[in-house]
């Protein structure tokens, strides 16, 4: 069992407390390095938070820089639950359209005569497409080959048709007045009706040619090869109506800028979140003579990013009636780096009267405000807020902390050795003094007082 050692039993000096004081004093450089490491960790955390806010701003600007950004049109039906659907584009003229479907488009259909398996090899030609046929091929296999071909028809087969004999029905996949054509060839590629005849397709029981859709728009007559009535049919730019029944529907096309306004408001909100964060984390304040620096006050590059974004917003080229952000009632605050919608009525008017100019102001490739912002933000923090220059800065603090850890470990080893040396010295002193006291006692006992 190890002996229990108490400091100062022989000397009367509490050298353990003295040693602790010396080591604590000499540990000052370690505390300084640990403080620096803690500051680096705090900066990494703040930069990570900034990355999240930059990513949110990038998302808002990506929405505004998207090629599909709409300047606003919507189509609504007068009836509350229409079975039709309507699509419009930004170029669709605003107005009311009465669409009356007199008859829907139908597809051509051919019903065969009696069917039997082909007895010779060759090819079946439907609508100009050759389909390879083998001798003795089952009718089901022929049907599968037709459906997997580019003939543009759907084939079905019933082995027990009402007439008692099997029948094939071919239906064009596209509607309109295009008849189904059928012929066949022998194995050498020469015209030969044998295969088509065995399949009952040279003497069909029914051969109905499809018809176009017949409809009216505001009283004018039109036709369409299919049941999607688009601008190639009626001439109204961007208006496409998909119908599934005969009847009449009133469709209203109106401006719809709510979505675009929401995206602009998201830009303002997320820009201000970035501006407020950078300002609060980099500013230096003095209160009652005490100066306090923000955790990122020494990151001049971060401050430069905000100035660059502000400059980019000011330099954005105009588009038509939208010369700059001020034309949208948006401007920078005189007391901060925030953007504010100072005149909401002006923004609403620009969206209502010059929506396409607003869209182009933001999303024109490379030069549009939102497009330019996305390019800047990608260089700052990447598309997710975890890349670019920001990630380089975060990694630099991690590298610095790795170096600090190495220094701290070296100092800790030195201090452990230093403590051991001091304790060994004091223990040697204690042993020496203990021996002296023993000798003094022996001498005293050897020469007793008389």
Protein backbone atom coordinates (compact mmCIF):
# COMPACT_ATOMS: atom_id res chain seq x y z
CA UNK A 1 0.00 0.00 0.00
CA UNK A 2 1.48 3.35 -1.04
CA UNK A 3 2.36 5.70 1.77
CA UNK A 4 0.19 8.76 2.26
CA UNK A 5 2.30 11.86 1.76
CA UNK A 6 1.37 15.17 3.31
CA UNK A 7 3.25 18.30 2.22
CA UNK A 8 5.25 20.14 4.92
CA UNK A 9 5.25 17.51 7.68
CA UNK A 10 9.01 17.91 8.09
CA UNK A 11 9.50 21.46 6.82
CA UNK A 12 6.27 23.05 7.93
CA UNK A 13 5.97 24.48 4.40
CA UNK A 14 2.82 23.71 2.30
CA UNK A 15 4.76 23.12 -0.87
CA UNK A 16 1.82 21.42 -2.63
CA UNK A 17 -0.19 24.66 -2.49
CA UNK A 18 2.93 26.54 -3.59
CA UNK A 19 3.40 24.12 -6.52
CA UNK A 20 -0.25 24.55 -7.57
CA UNK A 21 0.24 28.34 -7.55
CA UNK A 22 3.41 28.12 -9.67
CA UNK A 23 1.78 25.75 -12.22
CA UNK A 24 -1.33 27.95 -12.38
CA UNK A 25 0.86 30.97 -13.04
CA UNK A 26 2.85 29.18 -15.69
CA UNK A 27 -0.40 27.93 -17.27
CA UNK A 28 -1.31 31.48 -18.37
CA UNK A 29 -0.19 30.83 -21.99
CA UNK A 30 -2.49 27.77 -22.10
CA UNK A 31 -5.44 29.84 -20.95
CA UNK A 32 -4.65 32.42 -23.59
CA UNK A 33 -4.55 29.72 -26.29
CA UNK A 34 -7.80 28.18 -24.99
CA UNK A 35 -9.45 31.60 -25.09
CA UNK A 36 -8.29 32.08 -28.67
CA UNK A 37 -9.62 28.63 -29.57
CA UNK A 38 -12.98 29.46 -27.96
CA UNK A 39 -13.17 32.67 -29.99
CA UNK A 40 -12.45 30.70 -33.17
CA UNK A 41 -15.22 28.23 -32.32
CA UNK A 42 -17.60 31.16 -31.78
CA UNK A 43 -16.62 32.63 -35.16
CA UNK A 44 -17.18 29.28 -36.86
CA UNK A 45 -20.65 29.11 -35.29
CA UNK A 46 -21.49 32.68 -36.37
CA UNK A 47 -20.26 32.02 -39.92
CA UNK A 48 -22.35 28.85 -40.08
CA UNK A 49 -25.42 30.90 -39.08
CA UNK A 50 -24.51 33.46 -41.74
CA UNK A 51 -24.30 30.65 -44.29
CA UNK A 52 -27.87 29.63 -43.45
CA UNK A 53 -29.10 33.19 -44.01
CA UNK A 54 -27.14 33.54 -47.27
CA UNK A 55 -28.65 30.27 -48.47
CA UNK A 56 -32.16 31.57 -47.73
CA UNK A 57 -31.41 34.78 -49.64
CA UNK A 58 -30.07 32.72 -52.54
CA UNK A 59 -33.27 30.66 -52.60
CA UNK A 60 -35.35 33.85 -52.74
CA UNK A 61 -33.19 35.25 -55.56
CA UNK A 62 -33.23 31.94 -57.44
CA UNK A 63 -37.02 32.12 -57.47
CA UNK A 64 -36.77 35.60 -59.00
CA UNK A 65 -34.05 34.62 -61.49
CA UNK A 66 -35.88 31.53 -62.72
CA UNK A 67 -36.62 31.46 -66.48
CA UNK A 68 -40.12 30.25 -65.57
CA UNK A 69 -40.84 33.32 -63.44
CA UNK A 70 -44.32 34.45 -64.40
CA UNK A 71 -45.39 38.04 -64.84
CA UNK A 72 -48.88 36.89 -64.05
CA UNK A 73 -51.90 35.51 -65.86
CA UNK A 74 -54.54 33.15 -64.53
CA UNK A 75 -57.54 31.46 -66.09
CA UNK A 76 -60.72 30.86 -64.11
CA UNK A 77 -63.97 29.17 -65.06
CA UNK A 78 -67.35 30.73 -64.37
CA UNK A 79 -68.71 27.37 -63.19
CA UNK A 80 -67.59 26.29 -59.75
CA UNK A 81 -66.57 22.74 -60.67
CA UNK A 82 -65.61 22.57 -64.36
CA UNK A 83 -64.53 19.26 -65.90
CA UNK A 84 -62.32 21.13 -68.37
CA UNK A 85 -58.89 22.59 -67.60
CA UNK A 86 -57.28 25.74 -68.98
CA UNK A 87 -53.67 26.94 -69.12
CA UNK A 88 -52.40 30.41 -69.99
CA UNK A 89 -49.03 32.12 -70.41
CA UNK A 90 -47.82 35.60 -69.59
CA UNK A 91 -48.69 36.63 -73.15
CA UNK A 92 -52.32 35.51 -73.11
CA UNK A 93 -54.57 38.53 -73.67
CA UNK A 94 -56.66 39.49 -70.66
CA UNK A 95 -60.35 39.02 -71.35
CA UNK A 96 -63.44 36.82 -71.25
CA UNK A 97 -63.77 33.81 -73.55
CA UNK A 98 -66.93 31.79 -74.12
CA UNK A 99 -65.83 28.36 -75.37
CA UNK A 100 -68.55 26.11 -76.80
CA UNK A 101 -67.67 22.54 -77.79
CA UNK A 102 -70.10 21.29 -80.42
CA UNK A 103 -68.42 17.90 -80.82
CA UNK A 104 -65.28 16.33 -79.44
CA UNK A 105 -62.47 15.03 -81.62
CA UNK A 106 -62.60 11.28 -82.26
CA UNK A 107 -59.99 8.81 -83.43
CA UNK A 108 -60.15 6.55 -86.48
CA UNK A 109 -61.03 2.92 -85.70
CA UNK A 110 -60.83 -0.28 -87.71
CA UNK A 111 -62.48 -3.57 -86.70
CA UNK A 112 -61.17 -6.68 -88.51
CA UNK A 113 -62.97 -9.59 -90.06
CA UNK A 114 -62.37 -13.16 -88.83
CA UNK A 115 -58.86 -13.61 -87.46
CA UNK A 116 -56.39 -16.50 -87.71
CA UNK A 117 -52.66 -16.88 -87.10
CA UNK A 118 -50.42 -15.91 -90.06
CA UNK A 119 -49.17 -18.94 -91.99
CA UNK A 120 -46.26 -17.17 -93.67
CA UNK A 121 -43.45 -14.86 -92.54
CA UNK A 122 -43.23 -11.24 -93.67
CA UNK A 123 -44.39 -7.91 -92.31
CA UNK A 124 -47.63 -6.18 -91.45
CA UNK A 125 -47.66 -2.47 -92.42
CA UNK A 126 -49.90 -0.16 -90.36
CA UNK A 127 -49.91 3.58 -91.04
CA UNK A 128 -46.64 3.16 -92.97
CA UNK A 129 -44.81 1.29 -90.18
CA UNK A 130 -43.56 -2.27 -90.88
CA UNK A 131 -44.06 -4.84 -88.12
CA UNK A 132 -42.17 -8.14 -88.49
CA UNK A 133 -44.37 -11.28 -88.50
CA UNK A 134 -43.28 -14.92 -88.28
CA UNK A 135 -45.09 -17.97 -89.65
CA UNK A 136 -47.45 -19.45 -87.09
CA UNK A 137 -47.12 -16.44 -84.77
CA UNK A 138 -49.98 -16.31 -82.27
CA UNK A 139 -52.54 -13.56 -82.61
CA UNK A 140 -51.74 -12.41 -79.05
CA UNK A 141 -48.08 -12.04 -80.04
CA UNK A 142 -49.08 -10.04 -83.13
CA UNK A 143 -51.21 -7.72 -80.96
CA UNK A 144 -48.23 -7.17 -78.64
CA UNK A 145 -45.95 -6.40 -81.60
CA UNK A 146 -48.45 -3.84 -82.95
CA UNK A 147 -48.77 -2.09 -79.58
CA UNK A 148 -44.97 -1.96 -79.16
CA UNK A 149 -44.42 -0.50 -82.63
CA UNK A 150 -44.43 3.10 -83.87
CA UNK A 151 -47.59 2.57 -85.91
CA UNK A 152 -49.50 5.01 -83.67
CA UNK A 153 -52.41 2.65 -82.97
CA UNK A 154 -53.73 0.72 -80.00
CA UNK A 155 -54.65 -2.89 -80.80
CA UNK A 156 -56.97 -5.14 -78.80
CA UNK A 157 -58.18 -8.67 -79.59
CA UNK A 158 -61.18 -10.70 -78.52
CA UNK A 159 -61.21 -14.41 -79.32
CA UNK A 160 -64.99 -14.58 -78.71
CA UNK A 161 -66.51 -11.59 -80.47
CA UNK A 162 -70.27 -11.28 -80.85
CA UNK A 163 -70.11 -12.81 -84.34
CA UNK A 164 -68.56 -15.96 -82.96
CA UNK A 165 -65.17 -15.33 -84.59
CA UNK A 166 -62.18 -13.53 -83.09
CA UNK A 167 -61.79 -9.82 -83.95
CA UNK A 168 -58.99 -7.26 -83.84
CA UNK A 169 -59.77 -3.59 -83.22
CA UNK A 170 -57.18 -0.93 -84.16
CA UNK A 171 -57.68 2.61 -82.84
CA UNK A 172 -55.49 5.59 -83.74
CA UNK A 173 -53.82 7.03 -80.67
CA UNK A 174 -54.24 10.52 -82.09
CA UNK A 175 -57.67 11.93 -82.75
CA UNK A 176 -58.62 13.62 -86.01
CA UNK A 177 -59.55 12.73 -89.56
CA UNK A 178 -56.61 10.44 -90.33
CA UNK A 179 -57.67 7.02 -91.60
CA UNK A 180 -55.90 3.81 -90.53
CA UNK A 181 -54.07 2.14 -93.44
CA UNK A 182 -53.15 -1.57 -93.41
CA UNK A 183 -51.18 -3.74 -95.87
CA UNK A 184 -48.61 -6.53 -95.71
CA UNK A 185 -45.49 -7.85 -97.41
CA UNK A 186 -43.92 -11.25 -97.88
CA UNK A 187 -40.54 -12.28 -96.50
CA UNK A 188 -38.81 -10.80 -99.56
CA UNK A 189 -40.42 -7.42 -98.94
CA UNK A 190 -42.81 -7.55 -101.87
CA UNK A 191 -46.44 -6.52 -101.47
CA UNK A 192 -48.46 -9.57 -100.42
CA UNK A 193 -51.89 -9.36 -98.71
CA UNK A 194 -51.61 -12.84 -97.13
CA UNK A 195 -50.63 -11.73 -93.62
CA UNK A 196 -53.18 -8.88 -93.51
CA UNK A 197 -55.84 -11.21 -94.88
CA UNK A 198 -55.19 -13.92 -92.25
CA UNK A 199 -55.60 -11.26 -89.58
CA UNK A 200 -58.89 -10.10 -91.11
CA UNK A 201 -57.52 -6.63 -91.83
CA UNK A 202 -57.99 -6.52 -95.61
CA UNK A 203 -61.76 -6.81 -95.30
CA UNK A 204 -62.65 -5.04 -92.03
CA UNK A 205 -66.19 -5.18 -90.74
CA UNK A 206 -65.92 -1.54 -89.60
CA UNK A 207 -63.55 1.23 -90.72
CA UNK A 208 -64.51 4.58 -89.21
CA UNK A 209 -62.44 7.67 -89.90
CA UNK A 210 -62.03 10.00 -86.91
CA UNK A 211 -63.23 13.59 -86.84
CA UNK A 212 -61.85 16.87 -85.47
CA UNK A 213 -63.28 18.70 -82.51
CA UNK A 214 -65.76 21.36 -83.56
CA UNK A 215 -65.97 24.38 -81.24
CA UNK A 216 -66.62 28.08 -81.00
CA UNK A 217 -64.85 30.88 -79.13
CA UNK A 218 -66.96 33.99 -78.58
CA UNK A 219 -69.17 32.88 -81.48
CA UNK A 220 -66.39 32.18 -84.03
CA UNK A 221 -66.17 28.65 -85.49
CA UNK A 222 -62.99 26.56 -85.15
CA UNK A 223 -61.83 22.95 -85.41
CA UNK A 224 -59.05 21.03 -83.67
CA UNK A 225 -57.45 17.69 -84.49
CA UNK A 226 -57.60 16.80 -80.79
CA UNK A 227 -59.44 17.77 -77.63
CA UNK A 228 -56.79 20.23 -76.45
CA UNK A 229 -57.82 23.52 -78.00
CA UNK A 230 -54.69 25.66 -78.23
CA UNK A 231 -53.50 28.77 -80.06
CA UNK A 232 -52.78 26.79 -83.25
CA UNK A 233 -56.53 26.11 -83.38
CA UNK A 234 -58.12 29.39 -82.25
CA UNK A 235 -55.25 31.90 -82.51
CA UNK A 236 -55.43 33.20 -78.90
CA UNK A 237 -51.81 33.39 -77.70
CA UNK A 238 -51.00 31.06 -74.82
CA UNK A 239 -54.57 29.87 -74.17
CA UNK A 240 -54.94 26.09 -74.06
CA UNK A 241 -58.22 24.43 -73.06
CA UNK A 242 -58.46 20.68 -72.52
CA UNK A 243 -62.05 19.54 -72.94
CA UNK A 244 -63.62 16.21 -72.04
CA UNK A 245 -67.26 16.87 -72.86
CA UNK A 246 -69.62 18.73 -75.18
CA UNK A 247 -70.89 21.97 -73.68
CA UNK A 248 -70.09 25.61 -72.94
CA UNK A 249 -67.77 27.19 -70.40
CA UNK A 250 -66.98 30.86 -69.77
CA UNK A 251 -63.29 31.41 -69.09
CA UNK A 252 -61.83 34.64 -67.68
CA UNK A 253 -58.13 35.44 -68.19
CA UNK A 254 -56.89 38.07 -65.73
CA UNK A 255 -53.65 39.45 -64.35
CA UNK A 256 -52.29 37.54 -61.36
CA UNK A 257 -49.27 39.15 -59.73
CA UNK A 258 -49.68 37.87 -56.17
CA UNK A 259 -47.04 35.17 -56.61
CA UNK A 260 -44.52 37.60 -58.11
CA UNK A 261 -45.13 40.09 -55.29
CA UNK A 262 -44.63 37.35 -52.69
CA UNK A 263 -41.27 36.50 -54.26
CA UNK A 264 -40.19 40.16 -54.20
CA UNK A 265 -41.21 40.45 -50.54
CA UNK A 266 -39.19 37.30 -49.79
CA UNK A 267 -36.16 38.93 -51.43
CA UNK A 268 -36.55 42.03 -49.24
CA UNK A 269 -37.04 39.99 -46.05
CA UNK A 270 -34.09 37.65 -46.63
CA UNK A 271 -31.78 40.47 -47.73
CA UNK A 272 -32.57 42.34 -44.51
CA UNK A 273 -31.91 39.20 -42.45
CA UNK A 274 -28.42 39.00 -43.96
CA UNK A 275 -27.82 42.75 -43.57
CA UNK A 276 -28.94 42.80 -39.92
CA UNK A 277 -26.84 39.75 -39.07
CA UNK A 278 -23.65 41.08 -40.66
CA UNK A 279 -24.18 44.50 -39.09
CA UNK A 280 -24.78 43.13 -35.58
CA UNK A 281 -21.90 40.65 -35.68
CA UNK A 282 -19.27 43.01 -37.13
CA UNK A 283 -20.02 46.32 -35.44
CA UNK A 284 -17.93 47.89 -32.67
CA UNK A 285 -19.87 49.76 -29.97
CA UNK A 286 -18.77 52.00 -27.13
CA UNK A 287 -20.92 52.33 -24.02
CA UNK A 288 -19.85 54.29 -20.91
CA UNK A 289 -16.30 54.31 -22.17
CA UNK A 290 -16.25 50.54 -22.74
CA UNK A 291 -15.67 49.32 -26.29
CA UNK A 292 -17.23 46.02 -27.37
CA UNK A 293 -16.42 44.32 -30.68
CA UNK A 294 -18.79 41.92 -32.39
CA UNK A 295 -17.59 38.31 -32.84
CA UNK A 296 -16.91 38.92 -36.54
CA UNK A 297 -15.60 42.49 -36.22
CA UNK A 298 -12.20 41.49 -37.59
CA UNK A 299 -13.75 39.89 -40.69
CA UNK A 300 -13.58 42.83 -43.06
CA UNK A 301 -14.30 40.49 -45.96
CA UNK A 302 -17.75 39.71 -44.54
CA UNK A 303 -18.51 43.43 -44.32
CA UNK A 304 -17.35 43.81 -47.93
CA UNK A 305 -19.89 41.20 -49.07
CA UNK A 306 -22.76 43.33 -47.81
CA UNK A 307 -21.36 46.40 -49.57
CA UNK A 308 -21.04 44.39 -52.79
CA UNK A 309 -24.65 43.18 -52.58
CA UNK A 310 -25.86 46.72 -51.96
CA UNK A 311 -23.80 47.97 -54.92
CA UNK A 312 -25.15 45.15 -57.12
CA UNK A 313 -28.70 46.16 -56.26
CA UNK A 314 -28.00 49.79 -57.20
CA UNK A 315 -26.27 48.88 -60.47
CA UNK A 316 -28.93 46.50 -61.78
CA UNK A 317 -29.88 47.58 -65.34
CA UNK A 318 -33.45 48.65 -65.92
CA UNK A 319 -36.03 46.96 -68.10
CA UNK A 320 -38.66 48.98 -69.91
CA UNK A 321 -40.69 50.95 -67.39
CA UNK A 322 -38.71 49.51 -64.46
CA UNK A 323 -35.51 51.54 -64.37
CA UNK A 324 -34.40 50.43 -60.89
CA UNK A 325 -35.67 49.26 -57.50
CA UNK A 326 -37.04 52.73 -56.81
CA UNK A 327 -39.45 52.25 -59.72
CA UNK A 328 -40.94 49.41 -57.67
CA UNK A 329 -41.29 51.59 -54.56
CA UNK A 330 -38.27 49.83 -53.03
CA UNK A 331 -35.24 51.65 -51.65
CA UNK A 332 -32.51 51.39 -49.04
CA UNK A 333 -33.04 52.73 -45.55
CA UNK A 334 -31.17 55.92 -44.72
CA UNK A 335 -30.37 54.68 -41.21
CA UNK A 336 -29.32 51.08 -41.91
CA UNK A 337 -28.34 48.62 -44.62
CA UNK A 338 -31.92 47.36 -44.89
CA UNK A 339 -34.10 47.46 -48.01
CA UNK A 340 -37.63 48.68 -47.47
CA UNK A 341 -40.79 48.75 -49.55
CA UNK A 342 -41.40 52.44 -49.09
CA UNK A 343 -44.32 52.70 -51.51
CA UNK A 344 -46.46 49.57 -51.68
CA UNK A 345 -48.92 51.25 -54.06
CA UNK A 346 -46.09 51.92 -56.54
CA UNK A 347 -45.07 48.24 -56.38
CA UNK A 348 -48.65 47.11 -57.00
CA UNK A 349 -48.98 49.50 -59.94
CA UNK A 350 -45.73 48.27 -61.52
CA UNK A 351 -46.84 44.65 -61.13
CA UNK A 352 -50.25 45.41 -62.59
CA UNK A 353 -49.19 47.61 -65.50
CA UNK A 354 -45.65 46.45 -66.33
CA UNK A 355 -45.39 42.91 -65.01
CA UNK A 356 -43.18 41.65 -67.84
CA UNK A 357 -40.73 44.53 -67.24
CA UNK A 358 -40.62 43.60 -63.54
CA UNK A 359 -39.83 40.00 -64.45
CA UNK A 360 -37.08 41.02 -66.88
CA UNK A 361 -35.59 43.43 -64.33
CA UNK A 362 -35.03 40.50 -61.98
CA UNK A 363 -34.37 37.48 -64.18
CA UNK A 364 -32.61 38.67 -67.33
CA UNK A 365 -29.68 36.26 -67.68
CA UNK A 366 -26.45 37.47 -66.01
CA UNK A 367 -27.50 41.13 -65.81
CA UNK A 368 -30.87 40.86 -64.02
CA UNK A 369 -30.83 41.83 -60.34
CA UNK A 370 -31.70 38.35 -59.09
CA UNK A 371 -29.36 36.64 -61.55
CA UNK A 372 -26.46 38.88 -60.47
CA UNK A 373 -27.27 38.22 -56.80
CA UNK A 374 -27.22 34.44 -57.32
CA UNK A 375 -23.76 34.70 -58.91
CA UNK A 376 -22.47 36.74 -55.96
CA UNK A 377 -24.05 34.49 -53.34
CA UNK A 378 -22.65 31.37 -55.01
CA UNK A 379 -19.14 32.80 -54.66
CA UNK A 380 -19.77 33.75 -51.02
CA UNK A 381 -21.34 30.56 -49.69
CA UNK A 382 -22.24 28.22 -52.55
CA UNK A 383 -25.75 27.07 -53.36
CA UNK A 384 -26.40 25.65 -49.88
CA UNK A 385 -24.59 28.14 -47.64
CA UNK A 386 -21.82 25.64 -46.89
CA UNK A 387 -19.38 26.33 -49.71
CA UNK A 388 -17.52 29.18 -51.40
CA UNK A 389 -15.44 31.74 -49.55
CA UNK A 390 -17.46 31.26 -46.36
CA UNK A 391 -16.49 27.59 -46.12
CA UNK A 392 -12.85 28.53 -46.71
CA UNK A 393 -13.01 30.92 -43.75
CA UNK A 394 -14.68 28.31 -41.52
CA UNK A 395 -12.04 25.75 -42.46
CA UNK A 396 -9.28 28.26 -41.70
CA UNK A 397 -10.55 28.62 -38.13
CA UNK A 398 -10.67 24.83 -37.82
CA UNK A 399 -7.07 24.63 -39.05
CA UNK A 400 -6.06 27.36 -36.59
CA UNK A 401 -7.68 25.44 -33.73
CA UNK A 402 -5.82 22.28 -34.73
CA UNK A 403 -2.58 24.25 -34.39
CA UNK A 404 -3.71 25.65 -31.05
CA UNK A 405 -4.54 22.13 -29.82
CA UNK A 406 -0.99 21.08 -30.70
CA UNK A 407 0.46 24.02 -28.75
CA UNK A 408 -1.82 23.39 -25.76
CA UNK A 409 -0.88 19.70 -25.68
CA UNK A 410 2.83 20.60 -25.74
CA UNK A 411 2.40 23.13 -22.91
CA UNK A 412 0.36 20.63 -20.88
CA UNK A 413 3.17 18.08 -21.22
CA UNK A 414 5.70 20.71 -20.11
CA UNK A 415 3.56 21.71 -17.12
CA UNK A 416 3.12 18.07 -16.09
CA UNK A 417 6.90 17.66 -16.22
CA UNK A 418 7.38 20.94 -14.38
CA UNK A 419 5.00 19.84 -11.60
CA UNK A 420 6.81 16.54 -11.31
CA UNK A 421 10.17 18.32 -11.00
CA UNK A 422 8.90 20.70 -8.32
CA UNK A 423 7.24 17.94 -6.34
CA UNK A 424 10.37 15.77 -6.53
CA UNK A 425 12.51 18.68 -5.29
CA UNK A 426 10.22 19.45 -2.37
CA UNK A 427 9.92 15.81 -1.45
CA UNK A 428 13.72 15.56 -1.43
CA UNK A 429 13.79 18.61 0.84
CA UNK A 430 11.23 17.00 3.14
CA UNK A 431 13.29 13.81 3.32
CA UNK A 432 16.48 15.76 4.06
CA UNK A 433 14.81 17.78 6.81
CA UNK A 434 13.26 14.66 8.26
CA UNK A 435 16.70 13.00 8.48
CA UNK A 436 18.19 16.11 10.09
CA UNK A 437 15.47 16.07 12.72
CA UNK A 438 16.13 12.38 13.36
CA UNK A 439 19.86 13.06 13.77
CA UNK A 440 19.10 15.99 16.09
CA UNK A 441 16.91 13.74 18.19
CA UNK A 442 19.59 11.07 18.37
CA UNK A 443 22.23 13.63 19.43
CA UNK A 444 19.91 15.04 22.03
CA UNK A 445 19.25 11.58 23.38
CA UNK A 446 23.02 10.79 23.37
CA UNK A 447 23.86 13.80 25.53
CA UNK A 448 21.07 14.11 27.97
CA UNK A 449 20.78 17.26 30.03
CA UNK A 450 22.29 17.04 33.50
